[in-house]
Amino acid sequence: MRSLLLVLAMLAYTSAFAQYGFEVSKDKENGDVVYRGSITFDNLKEQLSFHWMEDGVKEYKPDTTSIKFLQKNLPAYQLTIFLGTWCSDSKEMIPKLYKVLTEVHYPLSRCLMYGVDRDKTAPGDVQKLYNLINVPTIIVYKKNHEVGRIVETVKKSIEKDLQAIIEGDLKH
């Protein structure tokens, strides 16, 4: 009987993981919903308890000069994003990033995004491939080579920091 319950539990877990591509749990410290694994912006917008996503997008007003620069230049780059749905810095930065990406009409299919737990881990230890230390982390790539990253906080703003990374790459 115990092995039957174990098999059923494993099937339920794999079915949920296959359906969503990520694990869902509760944070031990603040009770927030934790997404762990490969996620999308749509996943964040669909979770009712993630009101911070919609609120942050509505409230943010990006710099128009940087938006114009990014409209022209950002499509040549790919983004890999790590966040913690339990993390205050992620709740602050990720909605702003989403607003910027939508305003520049960046194809969101070119973003890889991973949710991590408080230990900064994701299924398959994908965080190790990217040397993840803190969240949020936004890694900018061109032709599979990292050209820069934003880690935990921005220096000026999300759009100005992305612009600075790309300008630095264009000088080389």
Protein backbone atom coordinates (compact mmCIF):
# COMPACT_ATOMS: atom_id res chain seq x y z
CA MET A 1 0.00 0.00 0.00
CA ARG A 2 2.80 2.40 0.89
CA SER A 3 4.54 1.83 -2.46
CA LEU A 4 1.25 2.42 -4.31
CA LEU A 5 0.88 5.78 -2.53
CA LEU A 6 4.47 6.63 -3.38
CA VAL A 7 3.91 5.80 -7.06
CA LEU A 8 0.71 7.90 -7.12
CA ALA A 9 2.48 10.81 -5.47
CA MET A 10 5.34 10.60 -7.98
CA LEU A 11 2.88 10.50 -10.88
CA ALA A 12 1.03 13.53 -9.54
CA TYR A 13 4.32 15.42 -9.14
CA THR A 14 5.58 14.56 -12.63
CA SER A 15 2.22 15.37 -14.14
CA ALA A 16 2.15 18.80 -12.45
CA PHE A 17 5.76 19.47 -13.42
CA ALA A 18 5.15 18.45 -17.04
CA GLN A 19 2.02 20.59 -17.21
CA TYR A 20 3.63 23.75 -15.87
CA GLY A 21 7.39 23.24 -16.44
CA PHE A 22 7.99 24.42 -12.90
CA GLU A 23 7.37 23.39 -9.32
CA VAL A 24 5.00 25.33 -7.09
CA SER A 25 5.48 25.51 -3.32
CA LYS A 26 5.13 27.92 -0.41
CA ASP A 27 8.03 29.97 0.93
CA LYS A 28 8.96 28.99 4.47
CA GLU A 29 9.73 32.57 5.55
CA ASN A 30 6.91 34.67 4.12
CA GLY A 31 4.36 32.16 2.80
CA ASP A 32 4.60 33.48 -0.78
CA VAL A 33 4.02 31.16 -3.72
CA VAL A 34 7.38 29.96 -5.06
CA TYR A 35 7.83 29.05 -8.71
CA ARG A 36 10.91 26.90 -9.24
CA GLY A 37 11.94 26.00 -12.78
CA SER A 38 11.33 27.27 -16.30
CA ILE A 39 8.64 29.96 -16.31
CA THR A 40 7.25 32.70 -18.56
CA PHE A 41 5.91 36.18 -18.02
CA ASP A 42 2.45 34.73 -18.71
CA ASN A 43 2.92 32.33 -15.78
CA LEU A 44 3.64 35.31 -13.54
CA LYS A 45 0.65 37.27 -14.84
CA GLU A 46 -1.70 34.29 -14.40
CA GLN A 47 -0.92 33.67 -10.72
CA LEU A 48 -3.56 35.62 -8.78
CA SER A 49 -1.34 36.10 -5.73
CA PHE A 50 1.32 37.82 -7.87
CA HIS A 51 -0.52 41.16 -7.85
CA TRP A 52 2.94 42.76 -7.76
CA MET A 53 3.39 41.83 -11.42
CA GLU A 54 0.37 43.71 -12.75
CA ASP A 55 0.78 46.59 -10.28
CA GLY A 56 4.46 47.03 -11.15
CA VAL A 57 3.78 47.04 -14.89
CA LYS A 58 1.00 49.63 -14.55
CA GLU A 59 3.05 51.94 -12.33
CA TYR A 60 6.33 51.94 -14.27
CA LYS A 61 7.14 54.69 -16.76
CA PRO A 62 10.35 53.85 -18.67
CA ASP A 63 12.68 56.49 -20.09
CA THR A 64 11.63 57.17 -23.70
CA THR A 65 15.17 57.81 -24.97
CA SER A 66 16.33 54.42 -23.70
CA ILE A 67 13.20 52.75 -25.10
CA LYS A 68 14.03 54.13 -28.58
CA PHE A 69 17.60 52.86 -28.28
CA LEU A 70 16.41 49.42 -27.13
CA GLN A 71 13.80 49.17 -29.90
CA LYS A 72 16.63 49.44 -32.40
CA ASN A 73 19.29 47.36 -30.64
CA LEU A 74 17.80 44.87 -28.16
CA PRO A 75 16.44 42.42 -30.79
CA ALA A 76 20.03 41.35 -31.57
CA TYR A 77 20.37 40.02 -28.01
CA GLN A 78 18.94 37.16 -25.96
CA LEU A 79 18.03 37.35 -22.29
CA THR A 80 18.22 34.79 -19.51
CA ILE A 81 16.39 35.83 -16.37
CA PHE A 82 16.47 34.37 -12.86
CA LEU A 83 14.01 35.52 -10.22
CA GLY A 84 12.51 34.54 -6.92
CA THR A 85 8.74 34.95 -6.70
CA TRP A 86 9.31 35.29 -2.93
CA CYS A 87 11.99 37.99 -3.38
CA SER A 88 11.26 41.70 -2.92
CA ASP A 89 13.97 42.73 -5.42
CA SER A 90 12.45 40.41 -8.05
CA LYS A 91 8.97 41.76 -7.34
CA GLU A 92 10.36 45.25 -7.94
CA MET A 93 12.50 44.62 -11.05
CA ILE A 94 10.71 41.94 -13.09
CA PRO A 95 7.50 43.93 -13.76
CA LYS A 96 9.66 46.86 -14.90
CA LEU A 97 11.64 44.56 -17.19
CA TYR A 98 8.40 43.19 -18.63
CA LYS A 99 7.10 46.72 -19.26
CA VAL A 100 10.32 47.67 -21.06
CA LEU A 101 10.34 44.49 -23.16
CA THR A 102 6.73 44.98 -24.24
CA GLU A 103 7.28 48.66 -25.05
CA VAL A 104 10.23 47.82 -27.31
CA HIS A 105 8.28 44.91 -28.86
CA TYR A 106 10.99 42.45 -27.85
CA PRO A 107 9.98 38.88 -28.75
CA LEU A 108 9.42 37.33 -25.33
CA SER A 109 10.10 33.90 -26.86
CA ARG A 110 13.78 34.96 -26.88
CA CYS A 111 13.81 35.14 -23.06
CA LEU A 112 14.69 32.15 -20.94
CA MET A 113 13.34 32.67 -17.44
CA TYR A 114 13.79 30.55 -14.33
CA GLY A 115 12.22 30.77 -10.92
CA VAL A 116 14.42 29.75 -8.01
CA ASP A 117 13.85 29.07 -4.33
CA ARG A 118 15.58 30.80 -1.41
CA ASP A 119 18.61 28.56 -1.91
CA LYS A 120 18.79 29.95 -5.50
CA THR A 121 18.23 26.51 -7.00
CA ALA A 122 16.10 25.33 -9.89
CA PRO A 123 15.38 21.83 -11.22
CA GLY A 124 18.35 20.34 -13.03
CA ASP A 125 20.70 22.72 -11.22
CA VAL A 126 20.39 25.11 -14.18
CA GLN A 127 21.51 27.94 -11.89
CA LYS A 128 25.01 26.44 -11.82
CA LEU A 129 25.36 26.85 -15.60
CA TYR A 130 24.85 30.58 -15.18
CA ASN A 131 26.86 31.12 -11.97
CA LEU A 132 23.79 32.47 -10.22
CA ILE A 133 24.46 34.19 -6.91
CA ASN A 134 21.59 36.63 -6.32
CA VAL A 135 18.15 37.32 -7.75
CA PRO A 136 16.95 38.83 -9.81
CA THR A 137 19.67 38.31 -12.40
CA ILE A 138 19.24 39.33 -16.02
CA ILE A 139 21.95 38.02 -18.34
CA VAL A 140 22.36 39.59 -21.79
CA TYR A 141 23.77 37.44 -24.61
CA LYS A 142 24.76 38.06 -28.19
CA LYS A 143 25.51 35.02 -30.35
CA ASN A 144 25.65 32.81 -27.23
CA HIS A 145 28.27 34.98 -25.51
CA GLU A 146 27.45 36.86 -22.34
CA VAL A 147 27.92 40.60 -22.80
CA GLY A 148 26.66 41.71 -19.40
CA ARG A 149 24.31 41.13 -16.51
CA ILE A 150 22.16 43.02 -14.07
CA VAL A 151 22.29 41.47 -10.60
CA GLU A 152 19.84 42.16 -7.76
CA THR A 153 19.52 45.94 -8.29
CA VAL A 154 19.89 48.41 -11.12
CA LYS A 155 22.44 51.23 -11.26
CA LYS A 156 20.10 53.73 -12.94
CA SER A 157 16.99 51.94 -14.26
CA ILE A 158 16.29 48.66 -15.98
CA GLU A 159 16.14 50.25 -19.44
CA LYS A 160 19.21 52.47 -18.89
CA ASP A 161 21.23 49.56 -17.51
CA LEU A 162 20.27 47.38 -20.52
CA GLN A 163 21.22 50.26 -22.80
CA ALA A 164 24.61 50.62 -21.07
CA ILE A 165 25.32 46.89 -21.49
CA ILE A 166 24.48 47.01 -25.20
CA GLU A 167 26.42 50.24 -25.76
CA GLY A 168 29.44 48.60 -24.13
CA ASP A 169 29.08 45.61 -26.43
CA LEU A 170 28.68 47.78 -29.54
CA LYS A 171 31.99 49.56 -28.75
CA HIS A 172 33.88 46.26 -29.03
